[in-house]
Amino acid sequence: MNFSSKLLETAVAEFAKLPGIGQKTALRLVLNLLNQDKEEVERFAGSISKLRNEVQFCGVCHNISDAALCEICASPKRNHQLICVVEDTRDVMAIENTSQYNGLYHVLGGLISPMDGIGPGDLKISSLVERIKNTDVNEVIFAVSATMEGDTTIFYLHKKLKEFTLKISTIARGIAFGGELEYVDEITLGRSIATRVLYENSLR
């Protein structure tokens, strides 16, 4: 792709580094920004810079937050005896959009994937065990994608949590194998949480 400006080329190259953004889409985005008022572009750039410099991760659940403790963990209206274990923040957002869940979350930060060099030590598993050990949690729900990596992660977590006296459940498999939670419609996802089953029963 030939560019009439080195500045334009550099900006397009930076946008193209984002997932799912090719050079043509990156060029369209950059040209769109050039057509906006200077103040709007500066506000856009400022919001990205502020996000990168000031965003935090909740010290309890590891969800993206504006403070050391996220709004969900800090809310007295949530059920603090219930923890939903998810892969990342996108899954928290997807489940929250269903309005079918009122407990807390624990964001693992990924899934166990030996092929990608991701083991249990790379995830927020030890902090989950500590949370359960030091609080009065009575149920943990595994809500991860129905993939080989998701099933491997659930199996490992189940072994780690078996020593505790609590209910361990998993979302109902109304979600097709290989499906990512963030792409499941709200009704199906909400129903899968409401009709969750004991993990050991799901193995039969």
N, C-alpha and C. Protein backbone atom coordinates (compact mmCIF):
# COMPACT_ATOMS: atom_id res chain seq x y z
N MET A 1 0.85 -1.19 0.00
CA MET A 1 0.00 0.00 0.00
C MET A 1 0.89 1.25 0.00
N ASN A 2 0.67 2.12 -0.99
CA ASN A 2 1.46 3.34 -1.10
C ASN A 2 0.81 4.48 -0.33
N PHE A 3 1.60 5.17 0.47
CA PHE A 3 1.09 6.28 1.27
C PHE A 3 1.70 7.59 0.80
N SER A 4 0.88 8.63 0.83
CA SER A 4 1.35 9.95 0.43
C SER A 4 2.02 10.69 1.58
N SER A 5 1.92 10.10 2.78
CA SER A 5 2.48 10.74 3.97
C SER A 5 3.08 9.69 4.89
N LYS A 6 4.28 9.98 5.39
CA LYS A 6 4.93 9.07 6.34
C LYS A 6 4.15 9.03 7.65
N LEU A 7 3.57 10.17 8.05
CA LEU A 7 2.77 10.23 9.26
C LEU A 7 1.53 9.34 9.14
N LEU A 8 0.92 9.39 7.96
CA LEU A 8 -0.25 8.56 7.70
C LEU A 8 0.12 7.09 7.75
N GLU A 9 1.23 6.74 7.12
CA GLU A 9 1.70 5.35 7.10
C GLU A 9 1.97 4.83 8.51
N THR A 10 2.60 5.67 9.34
CA THR A 10 2.92 5.26 10.71
C THR A 10 1.65 5.03 11.52
N ALA A 11 0.67 5.93 11.37
CA ALA A 11 -0.59 5.81 12.11
C ALA A 11 -1.35 4.55 11.68
N VAL A 12 -1.38 4.28 10.38
CA VAL A 12 -2.06 3.08 9.87
C VAL A 12 -1.38 1.83 10.40
N ALA A 13 -0.06 1.83 10.44
CA ALA A 13 0.69 0.67 10.93
C ALA A 13 0.36 0.39 12.40
N GLU A 14 0.18 1.45 13.20
CA GLU A 14 -0.14 1.28 14.61
C GLU A 14 -1.55 0.72 14.78
N PHE A 15 -2.51 1.23 14.04
CA PHE A 15 -3.89 0.72 14.12
C PHE A 15 -3.96 -0.73 13.66
N ALA A 16 -3.16 -1.07 12.66
CA ALA A 16 -3.18 -2.43 12.10
C ALA A 16 -2.65 -3.47 13.09
N LYS A 17 -2.00 -3.02 14.16
CA LYS A 17 -1.50 -3.94 15.18
C LYS A 17 -2.64 -4.47 16.07
N LEU A 18 -3.78 -3.78 16.04
CA LEU A 18 -4.92 -4.21 16.86
C LEU A 18 -5.52 -5.49 16.29
N PRO A 19 -6.04 -6.39 17.16
CA PRO A 19 -6.61 -7.65 16.67
C PRO A 19 -7.83 -7.42 15.78
N GLY A 20 -7.84 -8.12 14.67
CA GLY A 20 -8.99 -8.04 13.75
C GLY A 20 -8.96 -6.82 12.84
N ILE A 21 -7.90 -6.03 12.91
CA ILE A 21 -7.80 -4.82 12.08
C ILE A 21 -6.72 -5.01 11.02
N GLY A 22 -7.15 -5.05 9.75
CA GLY A 22 -6.20 -5.14 8.66
C GLY A 22 -5.79 -3.76 8.20
N GLN A 23 -4.93 -3.69 7.20
CA GLN A 23 -4.43 -2.39 6.73
C GLN A 23 -5.53 -1.51 6.15
N LYS A 24 -6.46 -2.11 5.41
CA LYS A 24 -7.53 -1.31 4.80
C LYS A 24 -8.44 -0.71 5.86
N THR A 25 -8.79 -1.52 6.86
CA THR A 25 -9.63 -1.02 7.95
C THR A 25 -8.88 0.03 8.75
N ALA A 26 -7.59 -0.20 8.97
CA ALA A 26 -6.77 0.76 9.71
C ALA A 26 -6.72 2.09 8.97
N LEU A 27 -6.58 2.04 7.66
CA LEU A 27 -6.54 3.26 6.86
C LEU A 27 -7.86 4.01 6.96
N ARG A 28 -8.96 3.27 6.90
CA ARG A 28 -10.28 3.89 7.00
C ARG A 28 -10.46 4.59 8.35
N LEU A 29 -9.99 3.95 9.43
CA LEU A 29 -10.10 4.53 10.77
C LEU A 29 -9.25 5.80 10.89
N VAL A 30 -8.02 5.74 10.38
CA VAL A 30 -7.13 6.89 10.46
C VAL A 30 -7.69 8.07 9.66
N LEU A 31 -8.19 7.80 8.45
CA LEU A 31 -8.76 8.87 7.63
C LEU A 31 -9.99 9.47 8.30
N ASN A 32 -10.75 8.63 8.98
CA ASN A 32 -11.92 9.12 9.72
C ASN A 32 -11.50 10.08 10.82
N LEU A 33 -10.42 9.73 11.52
CA LEU A 33 -9.91 10.61 12.58
C LEU A 33 -9.43 11.94 12.00
N LEU A 34 -8.80 11.88 10.82
CA LEU A 34 -8.31 13.11 10.19
C LEU A 34 -9.46 14.05 9.81
N ASN A 35 -10.63 13.49 9.57
CA ASN A 35 -11.80 14.29 9.18
C ASN A 35 -12.54 14.86 10.38
N GLN A 36 -12.16 14.43 11.59
CA GLN A 36 -12.81 14.93 12.80
C GLN A 36 -12.12 16.20 13.28
N ASP A 37 -12.84 16.93 14.15
CA ASP A 37 -12.24 18.14 14.74
C ASP A 37 -11.03 17.75 15.57
N LYS A 38 -10.07 18.67 15.62
CA LYS A 38 -8.84 18.42 16.36
C LYS A 38 -9.13 18.09 17.83
N GLU A 39 -10.13 18.78 18.43
CA GLU A 39 -10.46 18.56 19.83
C GLU A 39 -10.98 17.13 20.05
N GLU A 40 -11.76 16.62 19.11
CA GLU A 40 -12.32 15.27 19.22
C GLU A 40 -11.20 14.23 19.16
N VAL A 41 -10.26 14.45 18.26
CA VAL A 41 -9.14 13.51 18.12
C VAL A 41 -8.27 13.53 19.38
N GLU A 42 -8.05 14.74 19.92
CA GLU A 42 -7.25 14.84 21.14
C GLU A 42 -7.96 14.17 22.32
N ARG A 43 -9.30 14.28 22.36
CA ARG A 43 -10.07 13.63 23.41
C ARG A 43 -9.99 12.10 23.27
N PHE A 44 -10.02 11.63 22.02
CA PHE A 44 -9.89 10.20 21.75
C PHE A 44 -8.52 9.69 22.19
N ALA A 45 -7.48 10.40 21.79
CA ALA A 45 -6.11 10.00 22.14
C ALA A 45 -5.91 10.07 23.66
N GLY A 46 -6.49 11.09 24.27
CA GLY A 46 -6.36 11.26 25.72
C GLY A 46 -7.03 10.14 26.49
N SER A 47 -8.18 9.67 25.98
CA SER A 47 -8.90 8.60 26.68
C SER A 47 -8.10 7.29 26.64
N ILE A 48 -7.41 7.04 25.52
CA ILE A 48 -6.58 5.84 25.40
C ILE A 48 -5.38 5.93 26.34
N SER A 49 -4.75 7.08 26.36
CA SER A 49 -3.59 7.28 27.23
C SER A 49 -3.98 7.19 28.69
N LYS A 50 -5.11 7.77 29.06
CA LYS A 50 -5.59 7.73 30.44
C LYS A 50 -5.92 6.30 30.84
N LEU A 51 -6.55 5.56 29.92
CA LEU A 51 -6.88 4.16 30.18
C LEU A 51 -5.63 3.36 30.49
N ARG A 52 -4.61 3.52 29.64
CA ARG A 52 -3.39 2.73 29.80
C ARG A 52 -2.63 3.09 31.07
N ASN A 53 -2.65 4.35 31.43
CA ASN A 53 -1.86 4.81 32.57
C ASN A 53 -2.57 4.67 33.91
N GLU A 54 -3.91 4.71 33.92
CA GLU A 54 -4.63 4.76 35.18
C GLU A 54 -5.48 3.53 35.49
N VAL A 55 -5.74 2.68 34.51
CA VAL A 55 -6.58 1.52 34.77
C VAL A 55 -5.92 0.60 35.79
N GLN A 56 -6.74 -0.04 36.62
CA GLN A 56 -6.23 -0.96 37.62
C GLN A 56 -6.92 -2.30 37.47
N PHE A 57 -6.44 -3.28 38.23
CA PHE A 57 -7.09 -4.57 38.29
C PHE A 57 -7.50 -4.80 39.74
N CYS A 58 -8.74 -5.19 39.92
CA CYS A 58 -9.27 -5.40 41.27
C CYS A 58 -8.37 -6.34 42.05
N GLY A 59 -8.04 -5.96 43.27
CA GLY A 59 -7.15 -6.77 44.10
C GLY A 59 -7.78 -8.04 44.60
N VAL A 60 -9.10 -8.18 44.41
CA VAL A 60 -9.80 -9.40 44.86
C VAL A 60 -10.12 -10.32 43.69
N CYS A 61 -10.82 -9.80 42.67
CA CYS A 61 -11.29 -10.67 41.57
C CYS A 61 -10.47 -10.54 40.29
N HIS A 62 -9.59 -9.52 40.21
CA HIS A 62 -8.72 -9.29 39.05
C HIS A 62 -9.45 -8.74 37.83
N ASN A 63 -10.68 -8.26 38.03
CA ASN A 63 -11.40 -7.63 36.93
C ASN A 63 -10.83 -6.23 36.70
N ILE A 64 -10.95 -5.71 35.48
CA ILE A 64 -10.50 -4.36 35.19
C ILE A 64 -11.33 -3.38 36.01
N SER A 65 -10.66 -2.40 36.61
CA SER A 65 -11.35 -1.52 37.56
C SER A 65 -10.73 -0.13 37.55
N ASP A 66 -11.49 0.84 38.07
CA ASP A 66 -10.97 2.19 38.22
C ASP A 66 -10.32 2.38 39.59
N ALA A 67 -10.52 1.42 40.48
CA ALA A 67 -9.98 1.53 41.84
C ALA A 67 -9.39 0.19 42.26
N ALA A 68 -8.77 0.17 43.45
CA ALA A 68 -8.14 -1.06 43.94
C ALA A 68 -9.16 -2.17 44.16
N LEU A 69 -10.41 -1.79 44.42
CA LEU A 69 -11.50 -2.76 44.59
C LEU A 69 -12.60 -2.39 43.61
N CYS A 70 -12.99 -3.33 42.76
CA CYS A 70 -13.99 -3.03 41.73
C CYS A 70 -15.37 -2.83 42.35
N GLU A 71 -16.27 -2.23 41.58
CA GLU A 71 -17.61 -1.92 42.07
C GLU A 71 -18.40 -3.18 42.43
N ILE A 72 -18.15 -4.27 41.71
CA ILE A 72 -18.89 -5.51 41.98
C ILE A 72 -18.46 -6.09 43.32
N CYS A 73 -17.16 -6.19 43.55
CA CYS A 73 -16.66 -6.73 44.83
C CYS A 73 -17.03 -5.83 46.01
N ALA A 74 -17.14 -4.53 45.77
CA ALA A 74 -17.43 -3.58 46.84
C ALA A 74 -18.92 -3.47 47.15
N SER A 75 -19.76 -3.98 46.26
CA SER A 75 -21.20 -3.81 46.43
C SER A 75 -21.79 -4.72 47.51
N PRO A 76 -22.50 -4.14 48.49
CA PRO A 76 -23.15 -4.96 49.53
C PRO A 76 -24.40 -5.67 49.00
N LYS A 77 -24.83 -5.30 47.80
CA LYS A 77 -26.02 -5.90 47.21
C LYS A 77 -25.71 -7.22 46.50
N ARG A 78 -24.43 -7.51 46.31
CA ARG A 78 -24.06 -8.76 45.63
C ARG A 78 -23.99 -9.89 46.63
N ASN A 79 -24.18 -11.11 46.14
CA ASN A 79 -24.07 -12.31 46.97
C ASN A 79 -22.59 -12.68 47.10
N HIS A 80 -22.00 -12.40 48.27
CA HIS A 80 -20.56 -12.62 48.47
C HIS A 80 -20.23 -14.08 48.79
N GLN A 81 -21.22 -14.94 48.80
CA GLN A 81 -20.97 -16.36 49.03
C GLN A 81 -20.92 -17.15 47.71
N LEU A 82 -21.05 -16.42 46.61
CA LEU A 82 -21.10 -17.04 45.29
C LEU A 82 -20.04 -16.43 44.39
N ILE A 83 -19.19 -17.27 43.81
CA ILE A 83 -18.14 -16.80 42.91
C ILE A 83 -18.28 -17.47 41.55
N CYS A 84 -18.28 -16.65 40.51
CA CYS A 84 -18.32 -17.16 39.13
C CYS A 84 -16.92 -17.01 38.54
N VAL A 85 -16.31 -18.12 38.17
CA VAL A 85 -14.96 -18.12 37.62
C VAL A 85 -15.02 -17.98 36.10
N VAL A 86 -14.36 -16.94 35.56
CA VAL A 86 -14.38 -16.68 34.12
C VAL A 86 -12.96 -16.51 33.58
N GLU A 87 -12.86 -16.52 32.27
CA GLU A 87 -11.55 -16.39 31.62
C GLU A 87 -11.03 -14.96 31.67
N ASP A 88 -11.85 -13.99 31.25
CA ASP A 88 -11.38 -12.60 31.24
C ASP A 88 -12.53 -11.62 31.42
N THR A 89 -12.21 -10.34 31.37
CA THR A 89 -13.18 -9.27 31.61
C THR A 89 -14.35 -9.31 30.63
N ARG A 90 -14.11 -9.73 29.40
CA ARG A 90 -15.18 -9.79 28.41
C ARG A 90 -16.28 -10.72 28.86
N ASP A 91 -15.91 -11.80 29.56
CA ASP A 91 -16.91 -12.74 30.06
C ASP A 91 -17.71 -12.15 31.21
N VAL A 92 -17.05 -11.35 32.05
CA VAL A 92 -17.77 -10.65 33.12
C VAL A 92 -18.84 -9.75 32.50
N MET A 93 -18.47 -9.00 31.48
CA MET A 93 -19.40 -8.09 30.82
C MET A 93 -20.56 -8.85 30.18
N ALA A 94 -20.26 -9.99 29.55
CA ALA A 94 -21.30 -10.78 28.91
C ALA A 94 -22.30 -11.31 29.93
N ILE A 95 -21.80 -11.81 31.06
CA ILE A 95 -22.69 -12.35 32.10
C ILE A 95 -23.48 -11.24 32.76
N GLU A 96 -22.85 -10.10 33.02
CA GLU A 96 -23.56 -8.97 33.64
C GLU A 96 -24.71 -8.50 32.75
N ASN A 97 -24.52 -8.57 31.45
CA ASN A 97 -25.56 -8.13 30.51
C ASN A 97 -26.80 -9.01 30.56
N THR A 98 -26.68 -10.22 31.11
CA THR A 98 -27.85 -11.13 31.20
C THR A 98 -28.77 -10.75 32.35
N SER A 99 -28.25 -10.04 33.34
CA SER A 99 -29.02 -9.67 34.56
C SER A 99 -29.54 -10.91 35.29
N GLN A 100 -28.87 -12.05 35.11
CA GLN A 100 -29.30 -13.30 35.73
C GLN A 100 -28.36 -13.74 36.86
N TYR A 101 -27.34 -12.92 37.15
CA TYR A 101 -26.34 -13.33 38.13
C TYR A 101 -26.07 -12.18 39.09
N ASN A 102 -26.02 -12.50 40.39
CA ASN A 102 -25.84 -11.46 41.39
C ASN A 102 -24.70 -11.75 42.36
N GLY A 103 -23.81 -12.67 42.00
CA GLY A 103 -22.69 -13.00 42.87
C GLY A 103 -21.45 -12.21 42.49
N LEU A 104 -20.30 -12.72 42.91
CA LEU A 104 -19.01 -12.10 42.59
C LEU A 104 -18.34 -12.88 41.45
N TYR A 105 -17.19 -12.40 41.03
CA TYR A 105 -16.44 -13.04 39.94
C TYR A 105 -15.01 -13.31 40.37
N HIS A 106 -14.36 -14.17 39.58
CA HIS A 106 -12.91 -14.34 39.69
C HIS A 106 -12.39 -14.50 38.27
N VAL A 107 -11.57 -13.54 37.83
CA VAL A 107 -11.05 -13.53 36.46
C VAL A 107 -9.70 -14.24 36.44
N LEU A 108 -9.63 -15.34 35.72
CA LEU A 108 -8.41 -16.15 35.65
C LEU A 108 -7.31 -15.49 34.83
N GLY A 109 -7.69 -14.71 33.84
CA GLY A 109 -6.69 -14.11 32.97
C GLY A 109 -6.24 -15.02 31.86
N GLY A 110 -7.06 -16.01 31.53
CA GLY A 110 -6.73 -16.95 30.46
C GLY A 110 -7.19 -18.35 30.81
N LEU A 111 -6.79 -19.31 29.99
CA LEU A 111 -7.13 -20.71 30.21
C LEU A 111 -5.86 -21.55 30.09
N ILE A 112 -5.84 -22.68 30.75
CA ILE A 112 -4.69 -23.57 30.65
C ILE A 112 -4.58 -24.09 29.21
N SER A 113 -3.43 -23.89 28.61
CA SER A 113 -3.22 -24.30 27.22
C SER A 113 -1.76 -24.68 27.02
N PRO A 114 -1.41 -25.94 27.25
CA PRO A 114 -0.01 -26.38 27.09
C PRO A 114 0.56 -26.07 25.70
N MET A 115 -0.30 -26.14 24.68
CA MET A 115 0.16 -25.86 23.31
C MET A 115 0.66 -24.42 23.17
N ASP A 116 0.08 -23.52 23.96
CA ASP A 116 0.48 -22.11 23.92
C ASP A 116 1.43 -21.75 25.05
N GLY A 117 1.86 -22.76 25.81
CA GLY A 117 2.78 -22.51 26.91
C GLY A 117 2.15 -21.86 28.12
N ILE A 118 0.83 -22.01 28.27
CA ILE A 118 0.12 -21.42 29.41
C ILE A 118 -0.24 -22.52 30.40
N GLY A 119 0.39 -22.47 31.57
CA GLY A 119 0.12 -23.45 32.61
C GLY A 119 -0.65 -22.84 33.76
N PRO A 120 -0.98 -23.63 34.77
CA PRO A 120 -1.74 -23.13 35.93
C PRO A 120 -1.06 -21.97 36.63
N GLY A 121 0.27 -21.97 36.66
CA GLY A 121 1.01 -20.90 37.32
C GLY A 121 0.90 -19.56 36.62
N ASP A 122 0.43 -19.55 35.37
CA ASP A 122 0.29 -18.31 34.62
C ASP A 122 -1.07 -17.65 34.84
N LEU A 123 -1.97 -18.36 35.53
CA LEU A 123 -3.32 -17.86 35.76
C LEU A 123 -3.54 -17.48 37.23
N LYS A 124 -4.63 -16.79 37.50
CA LYS A 124 -4.97 -16.34 38.86
C LYS A 124 -5.68 -17.46 39.62
N ILE A 125 -5.04 -18.61 39.73
CA ILE A 125 -5.64 -19.76 40.39
C ILE A 125 -5.32 -19.77 41.89
N SER A 126 -4.10 -19.47 42.25
CA SER A 126 -3.72 -19.48 43.67
C SER A 126 -4.52 -18.46 44.47
N SER A 127 -4.81 -17.30 43.86
CA SER A 127 -5.60 -16.28 44.57
C SER A 127 -7.05 -16.72 44.73
N LEU A 128 -7.55 -17.53 43.79
CA LEU A 128 -8.91 -18.08 43.92
C LEU A 128 -8.97 -19.03 45.11
N VAL A 129 -7.97 -19.90 45.23
CA VAL A 129 -7.91 -20.84 46.34
C VAL A 129 -7.85 -20.09 47.67
N GLU A 130 -7.07 -19.03 47.72
CA GLU A 130 -6.94 -18.22 48.93
C GLU A 130 -8.26 -17.54 49.27
N ARG A 131 -8.97 -17.05 48.26
CA ARG A 131 -10.27 -16.41 48.51
C ARG A 131 -11.23 -17.38 49.17
N ILE A 132 -11.28 -18.58 48.63
CA ILE A 132 -12.21 -19.58 49.16
C ILE A 132 -11.79 -20.01 50.56
N LYS A 133 -10.49 -20.09 50.77
CA LYS A 133 -9.98 -20.51 52.07
C LYS A 133 -10.29 -19.48 53.15
N ASN A 134 -10.28 -18.19 52.80
CA ASN A 134 -10.41 -17.13 53.79
C ASN A 134 -11.76 -16.44 53.84
N THR A 135 -12.74 -16.91 53.07
CA THR A 135 -14.07 -16.30 53.09
C THR A 135 -15.12 -17.40 53.26
N ASP A 136 -16.39 -16.97 53.33
CA ASP A 136 -17.46 -17.95 53.55
C ASP A 136 -18.18 -18.30 52.24
N VAL A 137 -17.44 -18.42 51.17
CA VAL A 137 -18.00 -18.80 49.87
C VAL A 137 -18.60 -20.21 49.98
N ASN A 138 -19.82 -20.38 49.46
CA ASN A 138 -20.44 -21.71 49.51
C ASN A 138 -20.71 -22.31 48.14
N GLU A 139 -20.46 -21.52 47.06
CA GLU A 139 -20.61 -22.09 45.72
C GLU A 139 -19.67 -21.39 44.74
N VAL A 140 -19.07 -22.20 43.89
CA VAL A 140 -18.21 -21.68 42.81
C VAL A 140 -18.80 -22.19 41.50
N ILE A 141 -19.01 -21.26 40.57
CA ILE A 141 -19.55 -21.61 39.25
C ILE A 141 -18.44 -21.46 38.21
N PHE A 142 -18.18 -22.50 37.46
CA PHE A 142 -17.23 -22.41 36.36
C PHE A 142 -17.98 -21.93 35.11
N ALA A 143 -17.61 -20.76 34.61
CA ALA A 143 -18.27 -20.22 33.42
C ALA A 143 -17.19 -19.84 32.41
N VAL A 144 -16.63 -20.84 31.78
CA VAL A 144 -15.60 -20.61 30.76
C VAL A 144 -16.06 -21.20 29.45
N SER A 145 -15.40 -20.82 28.38
CA SER A 145 -15.80 -21.26 27.04
C SER A 145 -15.76 -22.78 26.91
N ALA A 146 -16.70 -23.28 26.12
CA ALA A 146 -16.79 -24.73 25.90
C ALA A 146 -15.77 -25.18 24.87
N THR A 147 -14.50 -25.13 25.27
CA THR A 147 -13.40 -25.54 24.40
C THR A 147 -12.54 -26.56 25.14
N MET A 148 -11.58 -27.15 24.45
CA MET A 148 -10.67 -28.10 25.07
C MET A 148 -9.90 -27.42 26.20
N GLU A 149 -9.46 -26.18 25.96
CA GLU A 149 -8.73 -25.42 26.99
C GLU A 149 -9.63 -25.12 28.18
N GLY A 150 -10.90 -24.80 27.90
CA GLY A 150 -11.84 -24.52 28.97
C GLY A 150 -12.09 -25.74 29.84
N ASP A 151 -12.29 -26.89 29.21
CA ASP A 151 -12.53 -28.13 29.95
C ASP A 151 -11.30 -28.54 30.76
N THR A 152 -10.11 -28.33 30.19
CA THR A 152 -8.87 -28.66 30.91
C THR A 152 -8.74 -27.79 32.15
N THR A 153 -9.07 -26.51 32.01
CA THR A 153 -8.98 -25.58 33.12
C THR A 153 -9.97 -25.94 34.22
N ILE A 154 -11.20 -26.26 33.84
CA ILE A 154 -12.22 -26.64 34.82
C ILE A 154 -11.80 -27.90 35.57
N PHE A 155 -11.28 -28.88 34.85
CA PHE A 155 -10.85 -30.13 35.48
C PHE A 155 -9.76 -29.85 36.51
N TYR A 156 -8.81 -29.01 36.16
CA TYR A 156 -7.72 -28.68 37.09
C TYR A 156 -8.26 -27.94 38.31
N LEU A 157 -9.13 -26.96 38.10
CA LEU A 157 -9.70 -26.19 39.20
C LEU A 157 -10.52 -27.07 40.14
N HIS A 158 -11.25 -27.99 39.55
CA HIS A 158 -12.07 -28.89 40.37
C HIS A 158 -11.20 -29.70 41.32
N LYS A 159 -10.07 -30.17 40.83
CA LYS A 159 -9.15 -30.93 41.68
C LYS A 159 -8.60 -30.05 42.81
N LYS A 160 -8.33 -28.78 42.51
CA LYS A 160 -7.79 -27.87 43.51
C LYS A 160 -8.81 -27.50 44.59
N LEU A 161 -10.08 -27.51 44.22
CA LEU A 161 -11.13 -27.05 45.14
C LEU A 161 -11.86 -28.18 45.86
N LYS A 162 -11.56 -29.42 45.52
CA LYS A 162 -12.27 -30.55 46.11
C LYS A 162 -12.12 -30.63 47.63
N GLU A 163 -11.03 -30.08 48.15
CA GLU A 163 -10.79 -30.17 49.60
C GLU A 163 -11.72 -29.26 50.41
N PHE A 164 -12.37 -28.30 49.74
CA PHE A 164 -13.24 -27.36 50.43
C PHE A 164 -14.69 -27.86 50.45
N THR A 165 -15.41 -27.47 51.49
CA THR A 165 -16.82 -27.83 51.61
C THR A 165 -17.64 -26.76 50.91
N LEU A 166 -17.87 -26.95 49.65
CA LEU A 166 -18.66 -25.99 48.89
C LEU A 166 -19.23 -26.67 47.65
N LYS A 167 -20.23 -26.05 47.09
CA LYS A 167 -20.87 -26.56 45.88
C LYS A 167 -20.07 -26.08 44.66
N ILE A 168 -19.71 -27.00 43.78
CA ILE A 168 -18.97 -26.66 42.57
C ILE A 168 -19.86 -26.98 41.38
N SER A 169 -20.22 -25.95 40.61
CA SER A 169 -21.12 -26.16 39.48
C SER A 169 -20.55 -25.56 38.21
N THR A 170 -21.15 -25.88 37.10
CA THR A 170 -20.73 -25.36 35.81
C THR A 170 -21.96 -24.94 35.03
N ILE A 171 -21.82 -23.96 34.17
CA ILE A 171 -22.98 -23.50 33.40
C ILE A 171 -23.48 -24.62 32.52
N ALA A 172 -24.80 -24.63 32.31
CA ALA A 172 -25.42 -25.67 31.49
C ALA A 172 -24.90 -25.58 30.06
N ARG A 173 -24.76 -26.72 29.42
CA ARG A 173 -24.17 -26.74 28.07
C ARG A 173 -25.20 -26.47 26.98
N GLY A 174 -25.87 -25.32 27.11
CA GLY A 174 -26.71 -24.88 26.01
C GLY A 174 -25.84 -24.18 24.98
N ILE A 175 -24.55 -24.07 25.34
CA ILE A 175 -23.58 -23.40 24.48
C ILE A 175 -22.81 -24.46 23.69
N ALA A 176 -22.73 -24.28 22.39
CA ALA A 176 -22.09 -25.28 21.55
C ALA A 176 -20.62 -25.42 21.90
N PHE A 177 -20.09 -26.64 21.74
CA PHE A 177 -18.67 -26.87 22.00
C PHE A 177 -17.85 -26.01 21.06
N GLY A 178 -16.84 -25.36 21.64
CA GLY A 178 -16.01 -24.46 20.85
C GLY A 178 -16.50 -23.02 20.89
N GLY A 179 -17.64 -22.79 21.56
CA GLY A 179 -18.21 -21.45 21.61
C GLY A 179 -17.56 -20.57 22.66
N GLU A 180 -17.33 -19.31 22.32
CA GLU A 180 -16.79 -18.32 23.26
C GLU A 180 -17.96 -17.63 23.95
N LEU A 181 -17.87 -17.42 25.26
CA LEU A 181 -18.96 -16.82 26.02
C LEU A 181 -19.35 -15.45 25.51
N GLU A 182 -18.37 -14.65 25.10
CA GLU A 182 -18.67 -13.28 24.70
C GLU A 182 -19.54 -13.20 23.45
N TYR A 183 -19.61 -14.30 22.68
CA TYR A 183 -20.40 -14.29 21.46
C TYR A 183 -21.76 -14.98 21.61
N VAL A 184 -22.02 -15.50 22.81
CA VAL A 184 -23.30 -16.16 23.06
C VAL A 184 -24.36 -15.12 23.36
N ASP A 185 -25.57 -15.29 22.82
CA ASP A 185 -26.61 -14.30 23.07
C ASP A 185 -27.00 -14.29 24.55
N GLU A 186 -27.51 -13.15 25.00
CA GLU A 186 -27.78 -12.95 26.43
C GLU A 186 -28.79 -13.93 27.00
N ILE A 187 -29.80 -14.26 26.23
CA ILE A 187 -30.84 -15.17 26.72
C ILE A 187 -30.25 -16.56 26.96
N THR A 188 -29.50 -17.07 25.99
CA THR A 188 -28.89 -18.40 26.14
C THR A 188 -27.90 -18.43 27.29
N LEU A 189 -27.06 -17.39 27.39
CA LEU A 189 -26.06 -17.34 28.46
C LEU A 189 -26.74 -17.22 29.82
N GLY A 190 -27.75 -16.37 29.91
CA GLY A 190 -28.47 -16.21 31.17
C GLY A 190 -29.13 -17.49 31.60
N ARG A 191 -29.71 -18.20 30.65
CA ARG A 191 -30.38 -19.47 30.96
C ARG A 191 -29.37 -20.52 31.40
N SER A 192 -28.19 -20.51 30.79
CA SER A 192 -27.17 -21.51 31.13
C SER A 192 -26.65 -21.30 32.55
N ILE A 193 -26.66 -20.05 33.03
CA ILE A 193 -26.25 -19.76 34.39
C ILE A 193 -27.35 -20.16 35.37
N ALA A 194 -28.59 -19.80 35.04
CA ALA A 194 -29.72 -20.10 35.91
C ALA A 194 -29.93 -21.60 36.06
N THR A 195 -29.61 -22.37 35.02
CA THR A 195 -29.81 -23.82 35.06
C THR A 195 -28.50 -24.57 35.21
N ARG A 196 -27.53 -23.95 35.87
CA ARG A 196 -26.23 -24.58 36.08
C ARG A 196 -26.37 -25.92 36.79
N VAL A 197 -25.39 -26.78 36.57
CA VAL A 197 -25.44 -28.13 37.14
C VAL A 197 -24.17 -28.38 37.95
N LEU A 198 -24.24 -29.35 38.87
CA LEU A 198 -23.05 -29.75 39.60
C LEU A 198 -22.00 -30.22 38.62
N TYR A 199 -20.76 -29.83 38.83
CA TYR A 199 -19.69 -30.19 37.89
C TYR A 199 -19.57 -31.69 37.73
N GLU A 200 -19.61 -32.44 38.84
CA GLU A 200 -19.46 -33.89 38.76
C GLU A 200 -20.57 -34.53 37.94
N ASN A 201 -21.78 -33.95 37.99
CA ASN A 201 -22.88 -34.48 37.19
C ASN A 201 -22.68 -34.22 35.71
N SER A 202 -21.96 -33.14 35.39
CA SER A 202 -21.74 -32.79 33.98
C SER A 202 -20.75 -33.74 33.31
N LEU A 203 -20.04 -34.53 34.10
CA LEU A 203 -19.06 -35.46 33.55
C LEU A 203 -19.70 -36.77 33.08
N ARG A 204 -20.95 -36.98 33.49
CA ARG A 204 -21.59 -38.25 33.16
C ARG A 204 -22.12 -38.26 31.74
